[in-house]
């Protein structure tokens, strides 16, 4: 792979920086116990509409082919998903969550910072989920911006979309659908809004996330899954 030198002040990658990056990549692969792929879901999950350029986004049309490639690549033994998102497009996020949950490749997710809104289904889509103590997760009803027709069919559509999310989360975690709806429709916690904000430990106690832990715990669990030891200490 060839690299073109650039101006350091302009932010372009120089040949020296590229060489260091390539060197550390090789060291990491050479010393790794298993070859795992890291996928990050950050900022807003972008859907069918392009968000403003100042927004940091995760484009679902980029993640989908990456997931297909990871699932087909025999050299990749596991997938770790780092999540720090404020939410985003419901259907795009749910589509990514469905793809991840259907993968045979061992998968773990780690919520750092925040896993809000559609970030909840994305977090539980992995076979094992972790969250750091300082992270938070916001559970709230489906909402829509822009022009909305004030007809019963609109409310019915919202309810069906919301039910899809509730069913997915309850099917892929330990929380019941009734309890998740309670958290989703809770009043008095959010200012001028409906829903709940959960800390890392609360998300685990509610049964949404499997364990409190960070990168080391997630990688240890992923290694155990790769080696066929799902009940190992790292995955508890």
C-alpha atoms as a PDB file:
ATOM      1  CA  UNK A   1       0.000   0.000   0.000  1.00  0.00           C
ATOM      2  CA  UNK A   2       1.409   3.381  -0.959  1.00  0.00           C
ATOM      3  CA  UNK A   3       0.854   6.655   0.871  1.00  0.00           C
ATOM      4  CA  UNK A   4       1.211  10.214  -0.333  1.00  0.00           C
ATOM      5  CA  UNK A   5       2.967  12.701   1.926  1.00  0.00           C
ATOM      6  CA  UNK A   6       0.961  15.703   3.036  1.00  0.00           C
ATOM      7  CA  UNK A   7       1.278  18.840   5.069  1.00  0.00           C
ATOM      8  CA  UNK A   8       1.176  18.165   8.818  1.00  0.00           C
ATOM      9  CA  UNK A   9      -0.591  21.435   9.551  1.00  0.00           C
ATOM     10  CA  UNK A  10      -3.304  20.727   7.002  1.00  0.00           C
ATOM     11  CA  UNK A  11      -4.271  17.512   8.800  1.00  0.00           C
ATOM     12  CA  UNK A  12      -3.366  15.231   5.886  1.00  0.00           C
ATOM     13  CA  UNK A  13      -1.670  11.916   6.561  1.00  0.00           C
ATOM     14  CA  UNK A  14       2.105  12.046   5.993  1.00  0.00           C
ATOM     15  CA  UNK A  15       4.205   9.115   4.862  1.00  0.00           C
ATOM     16  CA  UNK A  16       5.815   8.990   8.322  1.00  0.00           C
ATOM     17  CA  UNK A  17       2.446   8.883  10.084  1.00  0.00           C
ATOM     18  CA  UNK A  18       1.200   6.246   7.668  1.00  0.00           C
ATOM     19  CA  UNK A  19       4.309   4.153   8.271  1.00  0.00           C
ATOM     20  CA  UNK A  20       3.823   4.332  12.058  1.00  0.00           C
ATOM     21  CA  UNK A  21       0.156   3.414  11.685  1.00  0.00           C
ATOM     22  CA  UNK A  22       1.015   0.461   9.468  1.00  0.00           C
ATOM     23  CA  UNK A  23       3.752  -0.629  11.890  1.00  0.00           C
ATOM     24  CA  UNK A  24       1.434  -0.645  14.901  1.00  0.00           C
ATOM     25  CA  UNK A  25      -1.249  -2.420  12.879  1.00  0.00           C
ATOM     26  CA  UNK A  26       1.195  -5.218  12.089  1.00  0.00           C
ATOM     27  CA  UNK A  27       2.340  -5.439  15.726  1.00  0.00           C
ATOM     28  CA  UNK A  28      -1.242  -5.641  16.948  1.00  0.00           C
ATOM     29  CA  UNK A  29      -2.064  -8.437  14.536  1.00  0.00           C
ATOM     30  CA  UNK A  30       1.151 -10.318  15.280  1.00  0.00           C
ATOM     31  CA  UNK A  31       0.583 -10.263  19.049  1.00  0.00           C
ATOM     32  CA  UNK A  32      -3.178 -10.810  19.074  1.00  0.00           C
ATOM     33  CA  UNK A  33      -4.514 -14.080  20.455  1.00  0.00           C
ATOM     34  CA  UNK A  34      -7.383 -14.009  17.962  1.00  0.00           C
ATOM     35  CA  UNK A  35      -8.079 -11.794  14.972  1.00  0.00           C
ATOM     36  CA  UNK A  36     -11.104  -9.644  15.801  1.00  0.00           C
ATOM     37  CA  UNK A  37     -12.620  -6.715  13.933  1.00  0.00           C
ATOM     38  CA  UNK A  38     -13.588  -3.470  15.682  1.00  0.00           C
ATOM     39  CA  UNK A  39     -16.669  -1.603  14.452  1.00  0.00           C
ATOM     40  CA  UNK A  40     -17.686   1.762  15.916  1.00  0.00           C
ATOM     41  CA  UNK A  41     -21.193   3.239  15.948  1.00  0.00           C
ATOM     42  CA  UNK A  42     -20.839   6.875  16.941  1.00  0.00           C
ATOM     43  CA  UNK A  43     -22.683  10.185  16.731  1.00  0.00           C
ATOM     44  CA  UNK A  44     -26.025   9.957  14.973  1.00  0.00           C
ATOM     45  CA  UNK A  45     -27.157   6.962  12.956  1.00  0.00           C
ATOM     46  CA  UNK A  46     -27.844   8.456   9.546  1.00  0.00           C
ATOM     47  CA  UNK A  47     -30.793   7.070   7.610  1.00  0.00           C
ATOM     48  CA  UNK A  48     -32.389   7.970   4.303  1.00  0.00           C
ATOM     49  CA  UNK A  49     -31.639  11.679   4.693  1.00  0.00           C
ATOM     50  CA  UNK A  50     -28.160  13.201   4.806  1.00  0.00           C
ATOM     51  CA  UNK A  51     -27.505  15.048   8.062  1.00  0.00           C
ATOM     52  CA  UNK A  52     -25.730  18.442   8.207  1.00  0.00           C
ATOM     53  CA  UNK A  53     -21.950  18.274   7.666  1.00  0.00           C
ATOM     54  CA  UNK A  54     -21.172  19.432  11.216  1.00  0.00           C
ATOM     55  CA  UNK A  55     -22.893  16.332  12.644  1.00  0.00           C
ATOM     56  CA  UNK A  56     -20.753  13.301  13.378  1.00  0.00           C
ATOM     57  CA  UNK A  57     -22.638  10.380  11.876  1.00  0.00           C
ATOM     58  CA  UNK A  58     -22.611   6.642  11.288  1.00  0.00           C
ATOM     59  CA  UNK A  59     -23.869   5.914   7.787  1.00  0.00           C
ATOM     60  CA  UNK A  60     -25.853   2.687   7.665  1.00  0.00           C
ATOM     61  CA  UNK A  61     -25.049   2.162   3.976  1.00  0.00           C
ATOM     62  CA  UNK A  62     -21.379   1.886   4.989  1.00  0.00           C
ATOM     63  CA  UNK A  63     -21.950  -0.438   7.946  1.00  0.00           C
ATOM     64  CA  UNK A  64     -24.161  -2.933   6.081  1.00  0.00           C
ATOM     65  CA  UNK A  65     -21.561  -4.076   3.517  1.00  0.00           C
ATOM     66  CA  UNK A  66     -18.920  -4.086   6.255  1.00  0.00           C
ATOM     67  CA  UNK A  67     -21.028  -6.545   8.269  1.00  0.00           C
ATOM     68  CA  UNK A  68     -21.469  -8.747   5.202  1.00  0.00           C
ATOM     69  CA  UNK A  69     -17.706  -8.728   4.599  1.00  0.00           C
ATOM     70  CA  UNK A  70     -16.961  -9.571   8.246  1.00  0.00           C
ATOM     71  CA  UNK A  71     -19.418 -12.472   8.237  1.00  0.00           C
ATOM     72  CA  UNK A  72     -17.848 -13.927   5.070  1.00  0.00           C
ATOM     73  CA  UNK A  73     -14.186 -13.384   6.008  1.00  0.00           C
ATOM     74  CA  UNK A  74     -12.888 -16.624   7.508  1.00  0.00           C
ATOM     75  CA  UNK A  75      -9.819 -14.895   8.937  1.00  0.00           C
ATOM     76  CA  UNK A  76     -11.969 -12.687  11.217  1.00  0.00           C
ATOM     77  CA  UNK A  77     -12.833 -14.701  14.311  1.00  0.00           C
ATOM     78  CA  UNK A  78     -14.922 -12.149  16.187  1.00  0.00           C
ATOM     79  CA  UNK A  79     -16.490  -8.687  16.101  1.00  0.00           C
ATOM     80  CA  UNK A  80     -16.414  -6.057  18.842  1.00  0.00           C
ATOM     81  CA  UNK A  81     -18.816  -3.121  18.466  1.00  0.00           C
ATOM     82  CA  UNK A  82     -18.001   0.134  20.272  1.00  0.00           C
ATOM     83  CA  UNK A  83     -21.148   2.234  20.772  1.00  0.00           C
ATOM     84  CA  UNK A  84     -21.311   5.927  21.656  1.00  0.00           C
ATOM     85  CA  UNK A  85     -24.394   7.280  19.926  1.00  0.00           C
ATOM     86  CA  UNK A  86     -27.170   9.765  20.605  1.00  0.00           C
ATOM     87  CA  UNK A  87     -29.532   7.733  18.418  1.00  0.00           C
ATOM     88  CA  UNK A  88     -30.789   8.555  14.960  1.00  0.00           C
ATOM     89  CA  UNK A  89     -32.924   7.057  12.226  1.00  0.00           C
ATOM     90  CA  UNK A  90     -35.118   4.313  13.699  1.00  0.00           C
ATOM     91  CA  UNK A  91     -35.403   2.061  10.644  1.00  0.00           C
ATOM     92  CA  UNK A  92     -31.722   2.394   9.723  1.00  0.00           C
ATOM     93  CA  UNK A  93     -30.616   1.603  13.272  1.00  0.00           C
ATOM     94  CA  UNK A  94     -33.022  -1.308  13.575  1.00  0.00           C
ATOM     95  CA  UNK A  95     -31.836  -2.676  10.221  1.00  0.00           C
ATOM     96  CA  UNK A  96     -28.235  -2.670  11.475  1.00  0.00           C
ATOM     97  CA  UNK A  97     -29.313  -4.298  14.736  1.00  0.00           C
ATOM     98  CA  UNK A  98     -31.128  -7.070  12.861  1.00  0.00           C
ATOM     99  CA  UNK A  99     -28.060  -7.768  10.720  1.00  0.00           C
ATOM    100  CA  UNK A 100     -25.762  -7.943  13.752  1.00  0.00           C
ATOM    101  CA  UNK A 101     -28.113 -10.238  15.679  1.00  0.00           C
ATOM    102  CA  UNK A 102     -28.294 -12.650  12.735  1.00  0.00           C
ATOM    103  CA  UNK A 103     -24.507 -13.049  12.410  1.00  0.00           C
ATOM    104  CA  UNK A 104     -22.854 -16.372  13.236  1.00  0.00           C
ATOM    105  CA  UNK A 105     -19.563 -14.600  13.922  1.00  0.00           C
ATOM    106  CA  UNK A 106     -19.080 -14.140  17.706  1.00  0.00           C
ATOM    107  CA  UNK A 107     -20.066 -10.563  18.599  1.00  0.00           C
ATOM    108  CA  UNK A 108     -19.826  -8.367  21.695  1.00  0.00           C
ATOM    109  CA  UNK A 109     -20.866  -4.751  22.175  1.00  0.00           C
ATOM    110  CA  UNK A 110     -19.465  -2.124  24.538  1.00  0.00           C
ATOM    111  CA  UNK A 111     -21.435   1.026  25.358  1.00  0.00           C
ATOM    112  CA  UNK A 112     -19.154   3.930  26.273  1.00  0.00           C
ATOM    113  CA  UNK A 113     -20.383   7.467  26.791  1.00  0.00           C
ATOM    114  CA  UNK A 114     -23.946   6.853  25.686  1.00  0.00           C
ATOM    115  CA  UNK A 115     -26.168   4.351  23.948  1.00  0.00           C
ATOM    116  CA  UNK A 116     -29.284   6.442  23.608  1.00  0.00           C
ATOM    117  CA  UNK A 117     -32.520   5.895  21.701  1.00  0.00           C
ATOM    118  CA  UNK A 118     -31.919   3.496  18.783  1.00  0.00           C
ATOM    119  CA  UNK A 119     -28.541   2.795  20.393  1.00  0.00           C
ATOM    120  CA  UNK A 120     -30.372   0.457  22.790  1.00  0.00           C
ATOM    121  CA  UNK A 121     -31.351  -2.100  20.092  1.00  0.00           C
ATOM    122  CA  UNK A 122     -27.866  -1.793  18.601  1.00  0.00           C
ATOM    123  CA  UNK A 123     -26.284  -2.576  21.971  1.00  0.00           C
ATOM    124  CA  UNK A 124     -28.407  -5.667  22.630  1.00  0.00           C
ATOM    125  CA  UNK A 125     -27.997  -6.978  19.068  1.00  0.00           C
ATOM    126  CA  UNK A 126     -24.616  -8.513  19.907  1.00  0.00           C
ATOM    127  CA  UNK A 127     -24.424 -11.947  21.490  1.00  0.00           C
ATOM    128  CA  UNK A 128     -22.986 -10.384  24.662  1.00  0.00           C
ATOM    129  CA  UNK A 129     -23.275  -6.743  25.720  1.00  0.00           C
ATOM    130  CA  UNK A 130     -21.193  -4.627  28.100  1.00  0.00           C
ATOM    131  CA  UNK A 131     -21.502  -1.077  29.393  1.00  0.00           C
ATOM    132  CA  UNK A 132     -19.054   1.048  31.383  1.00  0.00           C
ATOM    133  CA  UNK A 133     -20.257   2.449  34.706  1.00  0.00           C
ATOM    134  CA  UNK A 134     -20.148   6.068  33.550  1.00  0.00           C
ATOM    135  CA  UNK A 135     -22.205   5.460  30.397  1.00  0.00           C
ATOM    136  CA  UNK A 136     -25.926   6.191  30.151  1.00  0.00           C
ATOM    137  CA  UNK A 137     -28.780   4.912  28.005  1.00  0.00           C
ATOM    138  CA  UNK A 138     -31.954   6.842  27.194  1.00  0.00           C
ATOM    139  CA  UNK A 139     -35.144   4.881  26.568  1.00  0.00           C
ATOM    140  CA  UNK A 140     -37.968   6.915  25.043  1.00  0.00           C
ATOM    141  CA  UNK A 141     -40.909   6.537  22.632  1.00  0.00           C
ATOM    142  CA  UNK A 142     -40.542   6.878  18.873  1.00  0.00           C
ATOM    143  CA  UNK A 143     -40.773  10.466  17.703  1.00  0.00           C
ATOM    144  CA  UNK A 144     -40.739  12.203  14.328  1.00  0.00           C
ATOM    145  CA  UNK A 145     -39.757  15.687  13.204  1.00  0.00           C
ATOM    146  CA  UNK A 146     -41.270  17.690  10.371  1.00  0.00           C
ATOM    147  CA  UNK A 147     -44.773  17.627   8.928  1.00  0.00           C
ATOM    148  CA  UNK A 148     -47.027  14.973  10.475  1.00  0.00           C
ATOM    149  CA  UNK A 149     -50.620  14.279   9.464  1.00  0.00           C
ATOM    150  CA  UNK A 150     -52.971  14.486  12.428  1.00  0.00           C
ATOM    151  CA  UNK A 151     -54.908  11.340  11.611  1.00  0.00           C
ATOM    152  CA  UNK A 152     -55.390   8.059  13.529  1.00  0.00           C
ATOM    153  CA  UNK A 153     -53.269   6.203  10.972  1.00  0.00           C
ATOM    154  CA  UNK A 154     -50.218   8.234  12.013  1.00  0.00           C
ATOM    155  CA  UNK A 155     -50.560   7.172  15.636  1.00  0.00           C
ATOM    156  CA  UNK A 156     -51.093   3.580  14.522  1.00  0.00           C
ATOM    157  CA  UNK A 157     -47.878   3.719  12.464  1.00  0.00           C
ATOM    158  CA  UNK A 158     -45.930   5.082  15.443  1.00  0.00           C
ATOM    159  CA  UNK A 159     -47.317   2.362  17.675  1.00  0.00           C
ATOM    160  CA  UNK A 160     -46.346  -0.402  15.237  1.00  0.00           C
ATOM    161  CA  UNK A 161     -42.827   0.980  14.831  1.00  0.00           C
ATOM    162  CA  UNK A 162     -42.472   1.274  18.588  1.00  0.00           C
ATOM    163  CA  UNK A 163     -43.648  -2.304  19.026  1.00  0.00           C
ATOM    164  CA  UNK A 164     -40.934  -3.491  16.634  1.00  0.00           C
ATOM    165  CA  UNK A 165     -38.298  -1.903  18.858  1.00  0.00           C
ATOM    166  CA  UNK A 166     -39.817  -3.260  22.066  1.00  0.00           C
ATOM    167  CA  UNK A 167     -40.024  -6.775  20.622  1.00  0.00           C
ATOM    168  CA  UNK A 168     -36.438  -6.698  19.341  1.00  0.00           C
ATOM    169  CA  UNK A 169     -35.013  -5.479  22.654  1.00  0.00           C
ATOM    170  CA  UNK A 170     -36.988  -7.994  24.731  1.00  0.00           C
ATOM    171  CA  UNK A 171     -36.041 -10.844  22.359  1.00  0.00           C
ATOM    172  CA  UNK A 172     -32.327 -10.009  22.557  1.00  0.00           C
ATOM    173  CA  UNK A 173     -31.978  -9.156  26.249  1.00  0.00           C
ATOM    174  CA  UNK A 174     -33.295 -10.180  29.666  1.00  0.00           C
ATOM    175  CA  UNK A 175     -35.810  -7.333  30.058  1.00  0.00           C
ATOM    176  CA  UNK A 176     -39.491  -8.052  29.512  1.00  0.00           C
ATOM    177  CA  UNK A 177     -41.490  -6.117  26.944  1.00  0.00           C
ATOM    178  CA  UNK A 178     -43.822  -4.776  29.648  1.00  0.00           C
ATOM    179  CA  UNK A 179     -40.960  -3.431  31.749  1.00  0.00           C
ATOM    180  CA  UNK A 180     -39.276  -1.878  28.717  1.00  0.00           C
ATOM    181  CA  UNK A 181     -42.525  -0.103  27.849  1.00  0.00           C
ATOM    182  CA  UNK A 182     -42.721   1.203  31.427  1.00  0.00           C
ATOM    183  CA  UNK A 183     -39.256   2.723  31.101  1.00  0.00           C
ATOM    184  CA  UNK A 184     -40.125   4.078  27.665  1.00  0.00           C
ATOM    185  CA  UNK A 185     -43.317   5.815  28.833  1.00  0.00           C
ATOM    186  CA  UNK A 186     -42.079   6.981  32.233  1.00  0.00           C
ATOM    187  CA  UNK A 187     -42.965  10.570  33.134  1.00  0.00           C
ATOM    188  CA  UNK A 188     -41.315  12.948  35.564  1.00  0.00           C
ATOM    189  CA  UNK A 189     -37.697  12.030  34.804  1.00  0.00           C
ATOM    190  CA  UNK A 190     -36.909  13.854  31.557  1.00  0.00           C
ATOM    191  CA  UNK A 191     -37.547  17.589  31.210  1.00  0.00           C
ATOM    192  CA  UNK A 192     -40.441  18.157  28.781  1.00  0.00           C
ATOM    193  CA  UNK A 193     -40.152  14.587  27.532  1.00  0.00           C
ATOM    194  CA  UNK A 194     -41.188  11.014  28.258  1.00  0.00           C
ATOM    195  CA  UNK A 195     -38.764   8.207  28.973  1.00  0.00           C
ATOM    196  CA  UNK A 196     -35.942   7.085  31.260  1.00  0.00           C
ATOM    197  CA  UNK A 197     -32.210   7.659  31.574  1.00  0.00           C
ATOM    198  CA  UNK A 198     -30.309   4.632  32.886  1.00  0.00           C
ATOM    199  CA  UNK A 199     -26.747   4.513  34.170  1.00  0.00           C
ATOM    200  CA  UNK A 200     -24.517   1.587  33.301  1.00  0.00           C
ATOM    201  CA  UNK A 201     -25.342  -0.365  36.448  1.00  0.00           C
ATOM    202  CA  UNK A 202     -29.068   0.394  36.104  1.00  0.00           C
ATOM    203  CA  UNK A 203     -29.069  -0.852  32.499  1.00  0.00           C
ATOM    204  CA  UNK A 204     -27.597  -4.140  33.732  1.00  0.00           C
ATOM    205  CA  UNK A 205     -29.974  -4.462  36.699  1.00  0.00           C
ATOM    206  CA  UNK A 206     -32.952  -3.851  34.393  1.00  0.00           C
ATOM    207  CA  UNK A 207     -31.752  -6.670  32.141  1.00  0.00           C
ATOM    208  CA  UNK A 208     -31.071  -4.558  29.050  1.00  0.00           C
ATOM    209  CA  UNK A 209     -27.290  -5.032  29.104  1.00  0.00           C
ATOM    210  CA  UNK A 210     -25.586  -8.263  30.178  1.00  0.00           C
ATOM    211  CA  UNK A 211     -22.651  -6.949  32.234  1.00  0.00           C
ATOM    212  CA  UNK A 212     -20.865  -3.872  33.512  1.00  0.00           C
ATOM    213  CA  UNK A 213     -17.440  -3.788  31.921  1.00  0.00           C
ATOM    214  CA  UNK A 214     -15.148  -2.131  29.450  1.00  0.00           C
ATOM    215  CA  UNK A 215     -12.756  -3.058  26.699  1.00  0.00           C
ATOM    216  CA  UNK A 216     -10.762  -5.689  28.581  1.00  0.00           C
ATOM    217  CA  UNK A 217     -13.863  -7.544  29.760  1.00  0.00           C
ATOM    218  CA  UNK A 218     -15.425  -7.415  26.305  1.00  0.00           C
ATOM    219  CA  UNK A 219     -12.323  -8.753  24.567  1.00  0.00           C
ATOM    220  CA  UNK A 220     -11.930 -11.472  27.199  1.00  0.00           C
ATOM    221  CA  UNK A 221     -15.539 -12.542  26.659  1.00  0.00           C
ATOM    222  CA  UNK A 222     -15.111 -12.478  22.890  1.00  0.00           C
ATOM    223  CA  UNK A 223     -12.027 -14.687  23.143  1.00  0.00           C
ATOM    224  CA  UNK A 224     -13.994 -17.129  25.301  1.00  0.00           C
ATOM    225  CA  UNK A 225     -16.807 -17.193  22.746  1.00  0.00           C
ATOM    226  CA  UNK A 226     -14.333 -17.836  19.943  1.00  0.00           C
ATOM    227  CA  UNK A 227     -12.834 -20.713  21.919  1.00  0.00           C
ATOM    228  CA  UNK A 228     -16.273 -22.152  22.640  1.00  0.00           C
ATOM    229  CA  UNK A 229     -16.358 -21.213  26.319  1.00  0.00           C
ATOM    230  CA  UNK A 230     -19.467 -19.028  26.478  1.00  0.00           C
ATOM    231  CA  UNK A 231     -19.922 -19.724  30.197  1.00  0.00           C
ATOM    232  CA  UNK A 232     -16.419 -18.572  31.070  1.00  0.00           C
ATOM    233  CA  UNK A 233     -15.857 -15.971  33.784  1.00  0.00           C
ATOM    234  CA  UNK A 234     -15.226 -13.202  31.237  1.00  0.00           C
ATOM    235  CA  UNK A 235     -18.752 -13.556  29.824  1.00  0.00           C
ATOM    236  CA  UNK A 236     -20.618 -13.361  33.132  1.00  0.00           C
END
